[in-house]
């Protein structure tokens, strides 16, 4: 074969699974000891979803968000939610430009690829609702004008499960906008020890390279739509959702948006695992992080842990398609 024929051949490309592994390994350089959490966060990113992280301060919520943003070369913005935060502080505001003799829109921090909404439940419901359109439609409306947000776009929100004074619990309509609800927990002892001896990961985080370009990430997100979801698996997802709607322990079951979110997350998981089709194991693996925060239990059982156990029971009681 001539050199010309070789040079004109197709350029080898990495598979989606190899790209996902490269991204996860890069994030794991600074967010250590939690490979499953990294996988779930990456799956949410591939599924064009958003993530709510509920955990105590200081376990790496900000590090995870920054590492994801740096690894895919997206702009990162952190919004510290407080009781006096206004919707305009998030979305932006129009300011009079004397030179142009016209009002000029100044975008807020929501116009970034990865947005960390820190302690989101400390803001008032009015301010919390400013995120709804952004998370659902990838755009915001300010003074009757619509502005498109960057693509890709990911909201990583955090809240502390042990502080309730001065907080405003997220309503079900807002919780339903989050693709996943995660808990990080403390790192394994060996990883925490290495962090103590190394003085943290601040320096390494600042040097973290881009390993997946934004355009490559967009292509991966498009590939998720091509992953095959057969009828039996779709019926399995529907059966899980219906059990939450009919079960006596549930006051509010999984919405249609939640069922769609589980399907898309399962497609993203299959792509990350190197498959072109969804299997029931994908659904079972994702059922708790995708569904638990979307249900409301009846009186006598409350809190995320109770909801997680209830979803686990639903999964265990629902026949798996073969």
Protein backbone atom coordinates (compact mmCIF):
# COMPACT_ATOMS: atom_id res chain seq x y z
CA UNK A 1 0.00 0.00 0.00
CA UNK A 2 1.36 3.40 -0.97
CA UNK A 3 2.04 6.23 1.50
CA UNK A 4 -0.65 8.28 -0.25
CA UNK A 5 -3.25 5.57 0.34
CA UNK A 6 -2.28 5.34 3.98
CA UNK A 7 -2.48 9.10 4.51
CA UNK A 8 -5.88 9.29 2.86
CA UNK A 9 -7.41 6.59 5.07
CA UNK A 10 -9.73 7.28 8.02
CA UNK A 11 -8.16 8.83 11.10
CA UNK A 12 -8.45 6.48 14.10
CA UNK A 13 -10.71 7.80 16.83
CA UNK A 14 -11.20 6.70 20.39
CA UNK A 15 -14.39 4.92 21.36
CA UNK A 16 -16.94 6.60 23.64
CA UNK A 17 -15.93 4.24 26.45
CA UNK A 18 -12.26 5.22 26.10
CA UNK A 19 -13.20 8.89 26.15
CA UNK A 20 -15.31 8.44 29.28
CA UNK A 21 -12.51 6.53 31.03
CA UNK A 22 -10.03 9.26 30.13
CA UNK A 23 -12.39 11.89 31.56
CA UNK A 24 -13.03 9.91 34.74
CA UNK A 25 -9.33 9.26 35.33
CA UNK A 26 -8.59 12.95 34.97
CA UNK A 27 -11.28 13.91 37.50
CA UNK A 28 -10.05 11.16 39.86
CA UNK A 29 -6.65 12.87 40.08
CA UNK A 30 -8.19 15.44 42.42
CA UNK A 31 -11.48 13.81 43.52
CA UNK A 32 -10.14 10.60 44.98
CA UNK A 33 -11.62 7.39 46.24
CA UNK A 34 -15.08 7.79 44.69
CA UNK A 35 -15.08 6.15 41.23
CA UNK A 36 -18.82 5.37 41.29
CA UNK A 37 -19.68 8.99 42.15
CA UNK A 38 -17.49 10.20 39.29
CA UNK A 39 -19.15 7.73 36.91
CA UNK A 40 -22.63 8.92 37.93
CA UNK A 41 -21.66 12.60 37.52
CA UNK A 42 -20.22 11.89 34.07
CA UNK A 43 -23.34 9.91 33.10
CA UNK A 44 -25.50 12.88 34.15
CA UNK A 45 -23.30 15.15 32.01
CA UNK A 46 -23.65 12.82 29.00
CA UNK A 47 -27.42 12.70 29.54
CA UNK A 48 -27.60 16.52 29.57
CA UNK A 49 -28.86 16.33 33.14
CA UNK A 50 -28.14 18.26 36.33
CA UNK A 51 -26.93 16.98 39.68
CA UNK A 52 -27.97 17.77 43.26
CA UNK A 53 -25.34 16.82 45.85
CA UNK A 54 -26.51 16.61 49.44
CA UNK A 55 -23.71 16.18 51.96
CA UNK A 56 -21.79 17.80 54.79
CA UNK A 57 -19.32 20.63 54.02
CA UNK A 58 -15.76 19.82 53.08
CA UNK A 59 -16.12 16.44 51.33
CA UNK A 60 -15.29 17.61 47.80
CA UNK A 61 -18.48 18.97 46.23
CA UNK A 62 -16.72 22.04 44.81
CA UNK A 63 -13.68 19.99 43.79
CA UNK A 64 -15.86 17.60 41.78
CA UNK A 65 -17.60 20.48 39.98
CA UNK A 66 -14.34 22.29 39.17
CA UNK A 67 -12.62 19.08 38.05
CA UNK A 68 -15.45 18.28 35.62
CA UNK A 69 -15.40 21.82 34.22
CA UNK A 70 -11.61 21.84 33.77
CA UNK A 71 -11.53 18.35 32.25
CA UNK A 72 -13.91 19.33 29.44
CA UNK A 73 -12.64 22.90 29.02
CA UNK A 74 -15.89 24.57 30.10
CA UNK A 75 -16.18 27.86 31.93
CA UNK A 76 -16.89 27.38 35.63
CA UNK A 77 -18.93 29.72 37.82
CA UNK A 78 -19.78 29.35 41.48
CA UNK A 79 -22.89 31.03 42.91
CA UNK A 80 -23.10 31.19 46.69
CA UNK A 81 -26.81 31.05 47.47
CA UNK A 82 -27.92 33.24 50.40
CA UNK A 83 -31.25 34.55 51.65
CA UNK A 84 -30.65 37.97 50.04
CA UNK A 85 -29.63 36.62 46.62
CA UNK A 86 -31.88 37.96 43.84
CA UNK A 87 -32.82 36.33 40.52
CA UNK A 88 -30.94 39.12 38.70
CA UNK A 89 -27.78 38.13 40.59
CA UNK A 90 -28.01 34.78 38.79
CA UNK A 91 -29.46 35.61 35.38
CA UNK A 92 -28.02 39.08 34.74
CA UNK A 93 -29.38 42.57 34.38
CA UNK A 94 -29.77 45.33 31.77
CA UNK A 95 -27.61 48.40 32.41
CA UNK A 96 -27.84 51.76 30.67
CA UNK A 97 -24.93 52.32 28.29
CA UNK A 98 -24.50 56.10 28.00
CA UNK A 99 -22.19 55.83 24.98
CA UNK A 100 -24.65 53.73 22.99
CA UNK A 101 -27.68 55.47 24.57
CA UNK A 102 -29.35 52.12 25.09
CA UNK A 103 -29.78 49.43 27.71
CA UNK A 104 -27.23 46.65 27.48
CA UNK A 105 -27.69 43.18 28.94
CA UNK A 106 -24.90 42.04 31.26
CA UNK A 107 -25.03 38.23 31.60
CA UNK A 108 -25.00 36.73 35.08
CA UNK A 109 -22.99 33.75 36.30
CA UNK A 110 -25.60 31.32 34.93
CA UNK A 111 -23.97 31.84 31.52
CA UNK A 112 -21.23 29.26 32.10
CA UNK A 113 -20.76 25.67 31.03
CA UNK A 114 -20.65 24.34 34.59
CA UNK A 115 -22.47 26.25 37.33
CA UNK A 116 -22.05 25.35 41.01
CA UNK A 117 -25.16 26.46 42.91
CA UNK A 118 -23.68 26.23 46.39
CA UNK A 119 -26.15 25.70 49.27
CA UNK A 120 -29.08 26.22 46.94
CA UNK A 121 -31.65 25.77 49.72
CA UNK A 122 -30.47 28.95 51.47
CA UNK A 123 -32.03 31.15 48.78
CA UNK A 124 -35.70 32.11 48.74
CA UNK A 125 -38.13 30.17 46.52
CA UNK A 126 -38.28 33.11 44.10
CA UNK A 127 -34.52 32.98 43.58
CA UNK A 128 -34.49 29.18 43.39
CA UNK A 129 -37.11 29.32 40.64
CA UNK A 130 -34.77 31.46 38.52
CA UNK A 131 -32.98 28.21 37.68
CA UNK A 132 -36.04 26.34 36.41
CA UNK A 133 -36.07 27.62 32.82
CA UNK A 134 -32.28 27.37 32.59
CA UNK A 135 -32.24 23.75 33.72
CA UNK A 136 -35.21 22.67 31.61
CA UNK A 137 -34.69 24.55 28.35
CA UNK A 138 -31.08 25.73 28.28
CA UNK A 139 -32.14 29.37 28.10
CA UNK A 140 -33.21 32.24 30.35
CA UNK A 141 -35.76 35.00 29.89
CA UNK A 142 -34.87 38.47 31.10
CA UNK A 143 -37.18 41.42 30.48
CA UNK A 144 -39.14 39.44 27.88
CA UNK A 145 -36.04 38.56 25.90
CA UNK A 146 -34.64 35.04 25.67
CA UNK A 147 -30.95 34.30 25.88
CA UNK A 148 -29.43 30.92 25.04
CA UNK A 149 -27.09 29.33 27.55
CA UNK A 150 -23.81 27.62 26.63
CA UNK A 151 -23.91 24.11 25.25
CA UNK A 152 -22.96 21.87 27.06
CA UNK A 153 -24.55 23.22 30.25
CA UNK A 154 -24.50 21.56 33.69
CA UNK A 155 -25.83 22.74 37.05
CA UNK A 156 -24.25 21.13 40.10
CA UNK A 157 -26.22 22.19 43.18
CA UNK A 158 -25.34 21.43 46.79
CA UNK A 159 -27.15 21.47 50.09
CA UNK A 160 -26.27 20.48 53.65
CA UNK A 161 -28.63 17.77 55.01
CA UNK A 162 -27.94 18.69 58.64
CA UNK A 163 -28.72 22.42 58.62
CA UNK A 164 -32.33 23.57 58.44
CA UNK A 165 -32.27 26.99 60.14
CA UNK A 166 -32.64 29.73 57.53
CA UNK A 167 -33.17 27.32 54.65
CA UNK A 168 -35.97 26.88 52.12
CA UNK A 169 -36.51 23.24 51.07
CA UNK A 170 -36.59 22.77 47.31
CA UNK A 171 -40.15 22.16 46.04
CA UNK A 172 -40.94 18.97 44.13
CA UNK A 173 -41.09 20.88 40.84
CA UNK A 174 -37.46 21.95 41.25
CA UNK A 175 -36.21 18.61 42.56
CA UNK A 176 -37.71 17.00 39.46
CA UNK A 177 -35.38 19.10 37.28
CA UNK A 178 -32.32 17.34 38.68
CA UNK A 179 -31.32 14.22 36.81
CA UNK A 180 -29.56 12.76 39.84
CA UNK A 181 -29.27 13.21 43.58
CA UNK A 182 -25.91 12.11 44.97
CA UNK A 183 -24.24 11.76 48.33
CA UNK A 184 -20.45 11.80 48.42
CA UNK A 185 -19.54 10.63 51.91
CA UNK A 186 -16.04 10.74 53.34
CA UNK A 187 -13.16 9.40 51.23
CA UNK A 188 -11.59 6.02 52.06
CA UNK A 189 -8.94 6.22 54.77
CA UNK A 190 -6.00 5.70 52.42
CA UNK A 191 -7.12 8.46 50.05
CA UNK A 192 -7.84 10.82 52.93
CA UNK A 193 -4.40 10.12 54.39
CA UNK A 194 -2.71 10.96 51.09
CA UNK A 195 -4.70 14.20 50.97
CA UNK A 196 -3.48 15.13 54.46
CA UNK A 197 0.14 14.36 53.61
CA UNK A 198 -0.08 16.22 50.31
CA UNK A 199 -1.76 19.31 51.74
CA UNK A 200 -4.88 19.00 49.61
CA UNK A 201 -5.44 19.09 45.86
CA UNK A 202 -5.58 22.85 45.20
CA UNK A 203 -2.36 22.95 43.20
CA UNK A 204 -3.14 19.85 41.16
CA UNK A 205 -6.65 21.11 40.46
CA UNK A 206 -5.23 24.34 39.02
CA UNK A 207 -2.99 22.29 36.70
CA UNK A 208 -5.68 19.83 35.63
CA UNK A 209 -5.59 19.53 31.81
CA UNK A 210 -8.46 19.47 29.35
CA UNK A 211 -8.85 15.85 28.21
CA UNK A 212 -12.20 16.06 26.38
CA UNK A 213 -12.92 19.07 24.19
CA UNK A 214 -16.36 20.67 24.41
CA UNK A 215 -17.13 19.65 20.82
CA UNK A 216 -16.21 16.04 21.61
CA UNK A 217 -18.51 16.15 24.64
CA UNK A 218 -21.36 17.43 22.45
CA UNK A 219 -20.80 14.50 20.08
CA UNK A 220 -20.95 12.07 23.01
CA UNK A 221 -24.22 13.62 24.16
CA UNK A 222 -25.61 13.14 20.67
CA UNK A 223 -24.43 9.51 20.68
CA UNK A 224 -26.54 8.89 23.80
CA UNK A 225 -29.68 9.36 21.67
CA UNK A 226 -28.47 6.56 19.38
CA UNK A 227 -28.22 3.95 22.15
CA UNK A 228 -31.00 1.39 21.64
CA UNK A 229 -33.74 1.17 24.27
CA UNK A 230 -35.83 -1.91 23.49
CA UNK A 231 -39.51 -2.22 24.38
CA UNK A 232 -38.93 -4.62 27.27
CA UNK A 233 -36.52 -2.25 29.02
CA UNK A 234 -38.86 0.71 28.45
CA UNK A 235 -41.68 -1.35 29.96
CA UNK A 236 -39.41 -2.14 32.92
CA UNK A 237 -38.81 1.58 33.56
CA UNK A 238 -42.54 2.20 33.30
CA UNK A 239 -43.25 -0.63 35.76
CA UNK A 240 -40.87 0.93 38.30
CA UNK A 241 -42.56 4.31 37.90
CA UNK A 242 -46.04 2.83 38.21
CA UNK A 243 -45.16 1.03 41.45
CA UNK A 244 -44.22 4.37 43.02
CA UNK A 245 -47.52 5.87 41.86
CA UNK A 246 -49.62 3.00 43.21
CA UNK A 247 -47.66 2.01 46.32
CA UNK A 248 -49.26 2.81 49.68
CA UNK A 249 -46.01 4.22 51.08
CA UNK A 250 -45.79 6.89 48.36
CA UNK A 251 -47.71 10.15 48.50
CA UNK A 252 -46.19 11.35 45.21
CA UNK A 253 -44.78 8.93 42.65
CA UNK A 254 -42.26 9.30 39.86
CA UNK A 255 -43.31 11.76 37.14
CA UNK A 256 -43.11 11.16 33.41
CA UNK A 257 -40.07 13.46 33.40
CA UNK A 258 -38.49 11.18 35.98
CA UNK A 259 -39.14 8.07 33.88
CA UNK A 260 -37.68 9.80 30.82
CA UNK A 261 -34.68 10.85 32.91
CA UNK A 262 -34.08 7.25 33.97
CA UNK A 263 -34.24 6.08 30.35
CA UNK A 264 -31.78 8.71 29.17
CA UNK A 265 -29.41 8.08 32.09
CA UNK A 266 -29.51 4.36 31.29
CA UNK A 267 -28.64 5.14 27.67
CA UNK A 268 -25.71 7.30 28.85
CA UNK A 269 -24.55 4.53 31.19
CA UNK A 270 -24.67 2.00 28.37
CA UNK A 271 -22.57 4.33 26.18
CA UNK A 272 -20.05 4.78 29.01
CA UNK A 273 -19.86 0.98 29.38
CA UNK A 274 -19.13 0.57 25.68
CA UNK A 275 -22.52 -0.80 24.64
CA UNK A 276 -24.96 0.37 21.99
CA UNK A 277 -27.99 -0.88 23.89
CA UNK A 278 -29.48 -0.59 27.39
CA UNK A 279 -29.73 -3.61 29.68
CA UNK A 280 -31.87 -3.91 32.84
CA UNK A 281 -28.72 -3.69 34.99
CA UNK A 282 -28.25 -0.09 33.78
CA UNK A 283 -31.74 0.77 35.01
CA UNK A 284 -31.24 -0.95 38.36
CA UNK A 285 -27.89 0.77 38.93
CA UNK A 286 -29.40 4.20 38.30
CA UNK A 287 -32.86 3.83 39.84
CA UNK A 288 -31.95 5.17 43.29
CA UNK A 289 -29.87 8.25 42.27
CA UNK A 290 -32.35 9.17 39.51
CA UNK A 291 -35.68 8.47 41.25
CA UNK A 292 -35.30 8.77 45.04
CA UNK A 293 -35.38 12.58 45.17
CA UNK A 294 -38.47 12.70 42.93
CA UNK A 295 -40.84 10.82 45.24
CA UNK A 296 -42.65 11.94 48.39
CA UNK A 297 -43.39 9.38 51.10
CA UNK A 298 -46.47 9.40 53.28
CA UNK A 299 -46.37 10.63 56.85
CA UNK A 300 -44.20 8.60 59.15
CA UNK A 301 -41.42 8.20 56.59
CA UNK A 302 -39.46 11.20 55.41
CA UNK A 303 -35.99 12.17 54.31
CA UNK A 304 -33.76 11.07 51.47
CA UNK A 305 -32.57 7.87 53.15
CA UNK A 306 -36.15 6.66 53.58
CA UNK A 307 -36.87 7.50 49.93
CA UNK A 308 -33.74 5.64 48.80
CA UNK A 309 -34.79 2.55 50.76
CA UNK A 310 -38.29 2.76 49.28
CA UNK A 311 -36.91 2.87 45.72
CA UNK A 312 -34.58 -0.04 46.51
CA UNK A 313 -37.62 -2.03 47.63
CA UNK A 314 -39.49 -1.10 44.45
CA UNK A 315 -36.54 -2.32 42.34
CA UNK A 316 -36.33 -5.56 44.33
CA UNK A 317 -40.08 -6.21 43.95
CA UNK A 318 -40.32 -5.48 40.21
CA UNK A 319 -39.73 -8.44 37.85
CA UNK A 320 -36.71 -8.00 35.60
CA UNK A 321 -37.33 -8.54 31.87
CA UNK A 322 -35.44 -11.42 30.27
